[in-house]
């Protein structure tokens, strides 16, 4: 991991071979999400709760129904999320899916496959 991220974070989208590629996803309801890990309802709810705790409205801020993608990326929620890579204030999903202390640089679920195979 480079020193550009908060302790404990190693975003998968910033590793090779993904580095430099766009990690965000635009879903069918025009919500721009920071990465595919927020595409499930449960993970989206984690992001919404985190945004609310930080005084942001994720559903409104990340909606591209009436805004361009660039405008969404200027929203308080998006900017807070980007700052969080450096200061560690990100939803728990980021630490669960992209921590730097995993045996395999993958998700907890991927690491659990090793246990199943043993």
N, C-alpha and C. Protein backbone atom coordinates (compact mmCIF):
# COMPACT_ATOMS: atom_id res chain seq x y z
N UNK A 1 0.84 -1.18 0.00
CA UNK A 1 0.00 0.00 0.00
C UNK A 1 0.88 1.24 0.00
N UNK A 2 0.45 2.23 -0.74
CA UNK A 2 1.17 3.49 -0.72
C UNK A 2 0.74 4.29 0.50
N UNK A 3 1.46 5.32 0.83
CA UNK A 3 1.13 6.15 1.98
C UNK A 3 0.00 7.12 1.73
N UNK A 4 -0.69 6.99 0.62
CA UNK A 4 -1.73 7.96 0.31
C UNK A 4 -3.07 7.65 0.96
N UNK A 5 -3.20 6.49 1.63
CA UNK A 5 -4.46 6.12 2.24
C UNK A 5 -4.32 6.04 3.76
N UNK A 6 -5.46 6.17 4.44
CA UNK A 6 -5.49 6.08 5.89
C UNK A 6 -5.03 4.69 6.34
N UNK A 7 -4.50 4.65 7.55
CA UNK A 7 -4.04 3.36 8.12
C UNK A 7 -5.19 2.36 8.09
N UNK A 8 -4.90 1.19 7.57
CA UNK A 8 -5.89 0.12 7.51
C UNK A 8 -6.63 0.03 6.19
N UNK A 9 -6.48 1.03 5.34
CA UNK A 9 -7.16 1.02 4.04
C UNK A 9 -6.19 0.72 2.91
N UNK A 10 -6.64 -0.09 2.00
CA UNK A 10 -5.91 -0.38 0.78
C UNK A 10 -6.95 -0.62 -0.31
N UNK A 11 -7.54 0.44 -0.84
CA UNK A 11 -8.64 0.29 -1.80
C UNK A 11 -8.26 -0.58 -2.99
N UNK A 12 -9.07 -1.61 -3.21
CA UNK A 12 -8.81 -2.56 -4.29
C UNK A 12 -8.76 -1.86 -5.64
N UNK A 13 -9.59 -0.84 -5.82
CA UNK A 13 -9.63 -0.15 -7.12
C UNK A 13 -8.36 0.65 -7.38
N UNK A 14 -7.55 0.82 -6.35
CA UNK A 14 -6.31 1.58 -6.51
C UNK A 14 -5.10 0.66 -6.63
N UNK A 15 -5.33 -0.65 -6.63
CA UNK A 15 -4.25 -1.63 -6.80
C UNK A 15 -4.16 -2.03 -8.27
N UNK A 16 -3.03 -2.57 -8.65
CA UNK A 16 -2.89 -3.14 -9.99
C UNK A 16 -3.73 -4.42 -10.05
N UNK A 17 -4.37 -4.79 -11.09
CA UNK A 17 -4.38 -4.14 -12.40
C UNK A 17 -5.48 -3.09 -12.55
N UNK A 18 -6.17 -2.75 -11.43
CA UNK A 18 -7.30 -1.84 -11.51
C UNK A 18 -6.91 -0.37 -11.39
N UNK A 19 -5.72 -0.11 -10.89
CA UNK A 19 -5.28 1.26 -10.62
C UNK A 19 -5.51 2.16 -11.83
N UNK A 20 -6.14 3.28 -11.57
CA UNK A 20 -6.39 4.25 -12.63
C UNK A 20 -7.70 4.04 -13.36
N UNK A 21 -8.36 2.93 -13.09
CA UNK A 21 -9.65 2.67 -13.72
C UNK A 21 -10.75 3.26 -12.85
N UNK A 22 -11.90 3.50 -13.41
CA UNK A 22 -12.98 4.15 -12.68
C UNK A 22 -13.70 3.10 -11.82
N UNK A 23 -13.67 3.24 -10.48
CA UNK A 23 -14.29 2.26 -9.62
C UNK A 23 -15.79 2.47 -9.41
N UNK A 24 -16.28 3.68 -9.64
CA UNK A 24 -17.67 3.97 -9.31
C UNK A 24 -18.64 3.26 -10.26
N UNK A 25 -19.87 3.10 -9.76
CA UNK A 25 -20.92 2.48 -10.55
C UNK A 25 -22.15 3.36 -10.56
N UNK A 26 -22.83 3.38 -11.68
CA UNK A 26 -24.10 4.10 -11.82
C UNK A 26 -25.17 3.04 -11.91
N UNK A 27 -26.09 3.03 -10.94
CA UNK A 27 -27.09 1.96 -10.95
C UNK A 27 -28.32 2.35 -11.77
N UNK A 28 -29.29 1.46 -11.83
CA UNK A 28 -30.48 1.65 -12.67
C UNK A 28 -31.35 2.82 -12.21
N UNK A 29 -31.21 3.22 -10.95
CA UNK A 29 -32.00 4.35 -10.44
C UNK A 29 -31.20 5.65 -10.46
N UNK A 30 -30.11 5.64 -11.20
CA UNK A 30 -29.24 6.83 -11.39
C UNK A 30 -28.52 7.27 -10.13
N UNK A 31 -28.16 6.34 -9.28
CA UNK A 31 -27.33 6.66 -8.12
C UNK A 31 -25.89 6.33 -8.48
N UNK A 32 -25.01 7.30 -8.31
CA UNK A 32 -23.58 7.08 -8.53
C UNK A 32 -22.98 6.62 -7.21
N UNK A 33 -22.48 5.38 -7.21
CA UNK A 33 -21.93 4.81 -5.99
C UNK A 33 -20.42 4.73 -6.12
N UNK A 34 -19.69 4.91 -5.02
CA UNK A 34 -18.22 4.97 -5.07
C UNK A 34 -17.55 3.74 -5.65
N UNK A 35 -18.17 2.57 -5.46
CA UNK A 35 -17.63 1.35 -6.05
C UNK A 35 -18.70 0.28 -6.04
N UNK A 36 -18.40 -0.84 -6.66
CA UNK A 36 -19.38 -1.92 -6.79
C UNK A 36 -19.77 -2.53 -5.45
N UNK A 37 -18.95 -2.39 -4.44
CA UNK A 37 -19.30 -2.96 -3.14
C UNK A 37 -20.52 -2.28 -2.53
N UNK A 38 -20.89 -1.14 -3.01
CA UNK A 38 -22.08 -0.44 -2.51
C UNK A 38 -23.30 -0.70 -3.37
N UNK A 39 -23.24 -1.70 -4.22
CA UNK A 39 -24.38 -1.98 -5.10
C UNK A 39 -25.45 -2.82 -4.41
N UNK A 40 -25.12 -3.48 -3.31
CA UNK A 40 -26.15 -4.23 -2.59
C UNK A 40 -26.92 -3.29 -1.68
N UNK A 41 -28.16 -3.65 -1.38
CA UNK A 41 -28.99 -2.82 -0.50
C UNK A 41 -28.36 -2.66 0.87
N UNK A 42 -27.84 -3.75 1.43
CA UNK A 42 -27.28 -3.66 2.78
C UNK A 42 -26.05 -2.76 2.82
N UNK A 43 -25.18 -2.85 1.83
CA UNK A 43 -24.00 -1.99 1.82
C UNK A 43 -24.38 -0.55 1.51
N UNK A 44 -25.36 -0.35 0.64
CA UNK A 44 -25.85 1.00 0.36
C UNK A 44 -26.38 1.63 1.65
N UNK A 45 -27.09 0.84 2.46
CA UNK A 45 -27.62 1.36 3.73
C UNK A 45 -26.50 1.75 4.68
N UNK A 46 -25.39 1.03 4.64
CA UNK A 46 -24.22 1.39 5.45
C UNK A 46 -23.69 2.75 5.00
N UNK A 47 -23.61 2.96 3.69
CA UNK A 47 -23.13 4.24 3.16
C UNK A 47 -24.08 5.37 3.53
N UNK A 48 -25.38 5.14 3.42
CA UNK A 48 -26.38 6.17 3.76
C UNK A 48 -26.28 6.53 5.24
N UNK A 49 -26.16 5.52 6.11
CA UNK A 49 -26.04 5.79 7.55
C UNK A 49 -24.78 6.58 7.85
N UNK A 50 -23.67 6.21 7.22
CA UNK A 50 -22.40 6.93 7.41
C UNK A 50 -22.55 8.38 6.95
N UNK A 51 -23.17 8.58 5.80
CA UNK A 51 -23.37 9.95 5.30
C UNK A 51 -24.24 10.74 6.27
N UNK A 52 -25.31 10.15 6.76
CA UNK A 52 -26.18 10.84 7.72
C UNK A 52 -25.42 11.23 8.98
N UNK A 53 -24.57 10.32 9.47
CA UNK A 53 -23.76 10.61 10.67
C UNK A 53 -22.81 11.78 10.43
N UNK A 54 -22.48 12.02 9.18
CA UNK A 54 -21.57 13.11 8.82
C UNK A 54 -22.29 14.32 8.25
N UNK A 55 -23.61 14.38 8.44
CA UNK A 55 -24.40 15.53 8.02
C UNK A 55 -24.66 15.62 6.53
N UNK A 56 -24.58 14.50 5.83
CA UNK A 56 -24.81 14.48 4.38
C UNK A 56 -26.05 13.65 4.04
N UNK A 57 -26.59 13.90 2.88
CA UNK A 57 -27.73 13.15 2.36
C UNK A 57 -27.28 12.39 1.12
N UNK A 58 -26.87 11.15 1.31
CA UNK A 58 -26.30 10.36 0.21
C UNK A 58 -27.29 10.17 -0.93
N UNK A 59 -28.55 9.88 -0.63
CA UNK A 59 -29.52 9.62 -1.68
C UNK A 59 -29.69 10.82 -2.60
N UNK A 60 -29.71 11.99 -2.02
CA UNK A 60 -29.84 13.21 -2.83
C UNK A 60 -28.52 13.58 -3.50
N UNK A 61 -27.44 13.55 -2.72
CA UNK A 61 -26.14 13.96 -3.24
C UNK A 61 -25.65 13.08 -4.39
N UNK A 62 -25.91 11.77 -4.30
CA UNK A 62 -25.36 10.84 -5.28
C UNK A 62 -26.33 10.54 -6.42
N UNK A 63 -27.46 11.22 -6.44
CA UNK A 63 -28.42 11.02 -7.52
C UNK A 63 -28.00 11.79 -8.77
N UNK A 64 -27.95 11.07 -9.88
CA UNK A 64 -27.60 11.69 -11.17
C UNK A 64 -28.84 11.87 -12.05
N UNK A 65 -30.02 11.82 -11.43
CA UNK A 65 -31.25 12.00 -12.20
C UNK A 65 -31.33 13.40 -12.78
N UNK A 66 -31.00 14.40 -11.97
CA UNK A 66 -31.10 15.79 -12.40
C UNK A 66 -29.76 16.51 -12.41
N UNK A 67 -28.66 15.73 -12.28
CA UNK A 67 -27.32 16.30 -12.25
C UNK A 67 -26.41 15.50 -13.17
N UNK A 68 -25.34 16.11 -13.57
CA UNK A 68 -24.32 15.39 -14.33
C UNK A 68 -23.45 14.60 -13.35
N UNK A 69 -22.69 13.67 -13.87
CA UNK A 69 -21.76 12.91 -13.04
C UNK A 69 -20.76 13.85 -12.37
N UNK A 70 -20.28 14.84 -13.11
CA UNK A 70 -19.34 15.81 -12.52
C UNK A 70 -19.98 16.58 -11.38
N UNK A 71 -21.26 16.91 -11.49
CA UNK A 71 -21.95 17.62 -10.41
C UNK A 71 -22.10 16.72 -9.18
N UNK A 72 -22.39 15.44 -9.41
CA UNK A 72 -22.49 14.49 -8.30
C UNK A 72 -21.14 14.41 -7.58
N UNK A 73 -20.05 14.43 -8.34
CA UNK A 73 -18.72 14.33 -7.74
C UNK A 73 -18.30 15.61 -7.01
N UNK A 74 -19.10 16.64 -7.10
CA UNK A 74 -18.87 17.87 -6.34
C UNK A 74 -19.75 17.92 -5.09
N UNK A 75 -20.58 16.90 -4.89
CA UNK A 75 -21.52 16.90 -3.76
C UNK A 75 -20.80 16.66 -2.44
N UNK A 76 -21.42 17.09 -1.34
CA UNK A 76 -20.82 16.89 -0.02
C UNK A 76 -20.51 15.42 0.29
N UNK A 77 -21.43 14.51 -0.05
CA UNK A 77 -21.20 13.09 0.24
C UNK A 77 -20.01 12.56 -0.54
N UNK A 78 -19.94 12.86 -1.83
CA UNK A 78 -18.84 12.35 -2.66
C UNK A 78 -17.50 12.89 -2.16
N UNK A 79 -17.44 14.18 -1.88
CA UNK A 79 -16.19 14.79 -1.42
C UNK A 79 -15.77 14.24 -0.06
N UNK A 80 -16.74 14.02 0.83
CA UNK A 80 -16.45 13.44 2.14
C UNK A 80 -15.87 12.05 1.97
N UNK A 81 -16.46 11.28 1.07
CA UNK A 81 -15.97 9.92 0.81
C UNK A 81 -14.53 9.96 0.30
N UNK A 82 -14.23 10.84 -0.62
CA UNK A 82 -12.88 10.94 -1.17
C UNK A 82 -11.87 11.37 -0.10
N UNK A 83 -12.26 12.30 0.76
CA UNK A 83 -11.40 12.72 1.86
C UNK A 83 -11.16 11.56 2.82
N UNK A 84 -12.17 10.71 2.96
CA UNK A 84 -12.09 9.59 3.88
C UNK A 84 -11.00 8.59 3.54
N UNK A 85 -10.65 8.48 2.26
CA UNK A 85 -9.53 7.62 1.89
C UNK A 85 -8.26 8.04 2.63
N UNK A 86 -8.12 9.32 2.86
CA UNK A 86 -6.90 9.83 3.50
C UNK A 86 -7.01 9.92 5.01
N UNK A 87 -8.21 10.30 5.51
CA UNK A 87 -8.32 10.50 6.95
C UNK A 87 -8.99 9.32 7.68
N UNK A 88 -9.45 8.32 6.93
CA UNK A 88 -10.02 7.13 7.55
C UNK A 88 -11.51 7.20 7.82
N UNK A 89 -12.14 8.34 7.57
CA UNK A 89 -13.57 8.48 7.81
C UNK A 89 -14.33 8.01 6.57
N UNK A 90 -14.49 6.69 6.47
CA UNK A 90 -15.24 6.06 5.38
C UNK A 90 -16.20 5.05 5.99
N UNK A 91 -17.20 4.62 5.25
CA UNK A 91 -18.11 3.59 5.77
C UNK A 91 -17.34 2.31 6.12
N UNK A 92 -17.88 1.54 7.04
CA UNK A 92 -17.22 0.31 7.47
C UNK A 92 -16.98 -0.66 6.32
N UNK A 93 -17.80 -0.59 5.30
CA UNK A 93 -17.63 -1.47 4.13
C UNK A 93 -16.24 -1.34 3.54
N UNK A 94 -15.72 -0.13 3.52
CA UNK A 94 -14.38 0.09 2.96
C UNK A 94 -13.32 -0.70 3.72
N UNK A 95 -13.43 -0.73 5.05
CA UNK A 95 -12.47 -1.47 5.85
C UNK A 95 -12.70 -2.98 5.74
N UNK A 96 -13.96 -3.38 5.60
CA UNK A 96 -14.26 -4.80 5.47
C UNK A 96 -13.79 -5.36 4.14
N UNK A 97 -13.95 -4.60 3.08
CA UNK A 97 -13.63 -5.09 1.74
C UNK A 97 -12.24 -4.71 1.27
N UNK A 98 -11.69 -3.65 1.81
CA UNK A 98 -10.41 -3.13 1.29
C UNK A 98 -9.43 -2.78 2.40
N UNK A 99 -9.27 -3.68 3.37
CA UNK A 99 -8.30 -3.42 4.42
C UNK A 99 -6.93 -3.89 3.97
N UNK A 100 -5.91 -3.40 4.64
CA UNK A 100 -4.54 -3.76 4.27
C UNK A 100 -3.98 -4.89 5.13
N UNK A 101 -4.81 -5.50 5.99
CA UNK A 101 -4.30 -6.53 6.89
C UNK A 101 -4.88 -7.91 6.60
N UNK A 102 -5.35 -8.12 5.41
CA UNK A 102 -5.92 -9.42 5.06
C UNK A 102 -4.84 -10.36 4.56
N UNK A 103 -5.00 -11.63 4.87
CA UNK A 103 -4.03 -12.62 4.42
C UNK A 103 -3.93 -12.61 2.90
N UNK A 104 -5.07 -12.57 2.26
CA UNK A 104 -5.13 -12.41 0.81
C UNK A 104 -5.71 -11.03 0.57
N UNK A 105 -5.15 -10.29 -0.35
CA UNK A 105 -5.69 -8.96 -0.62
C UNK A 105 -7.01 -9.12 -1.37
N UNK A 106 -8.03 -9.33 -0.63
CA UNK A 106 -9.36 -9.52 -1.18
C UNK A 106 -10.38 -9.23 -0.11
N UNK A 107 -11.56 -9.72 -0.30
CA UNK A 107 -12.62 -9.47 0.66
C UNK A 107 -12.58 -10.49 1.78
N UNK A 108 -13.28 -10.20 2.86
CA UNK A 108 -13.40 -11.17 3.94
C UNK A 108 -14.01 -12.45 3.41
N UNK A 109 -14.99 -12.29 2.52
CA UNK A 109 -15.65 -13.47 1.97
C UNK A 109 -14.65 -14.32 1.20
N UNK A 110 -13.78 -13.69 0.43
CA UNK A 110 -12.77 -14.44 -0.31
C UNK A 110 -11.83 -15.15 0.66
N UNK A 111 -11.46 -14.48 1.73
CA UNK A 111 -10.59 -15.10 2.72
C UNK A 111 -11.28 -16.30 3.38
N UNK A 112 -12.59 -16.23 3.54
CA UNK A 112 -13.31 -17.34 4.15
C UNK A 112 -13.29 -18.59 3.28
N UNK A 113 -13.09 -18.45 1.98
CA UNK A 113 -13.00 -19.62 1.10
C UNK A 113 -11.83 -20.50 1.50
N UNK A 114 -10.75 -19.89 1.97
CA UNK A 114 -9.60 -20.68 2.39
C UNK A 114 -10.00 -21.61 3.54
N UNK A 115 -10.79 -21.11 4.46
CA UNK A 115 -11.23 -21.90 5.59
C UNK A 115 -12.11 -23.07 5.15
N UNK A 116 -12.93 -22.83 4.12
CA UNK A 116 -13.80 -23.89 3.61
C UNK A 116 -12.98 -24.99 2.97
N UNK A 117 -11.88 -24.61 2.29
CA UNK A 117 -11.07 -25.58 1.59
C UNK A 117 -10.22 -26.44 2.53
N UNK A 118 -9.92 -25.94 3.72
CA UNK A 118 -9.04 -26.68 4.64
C UNK A 118 -9.70 -27.87 5.27
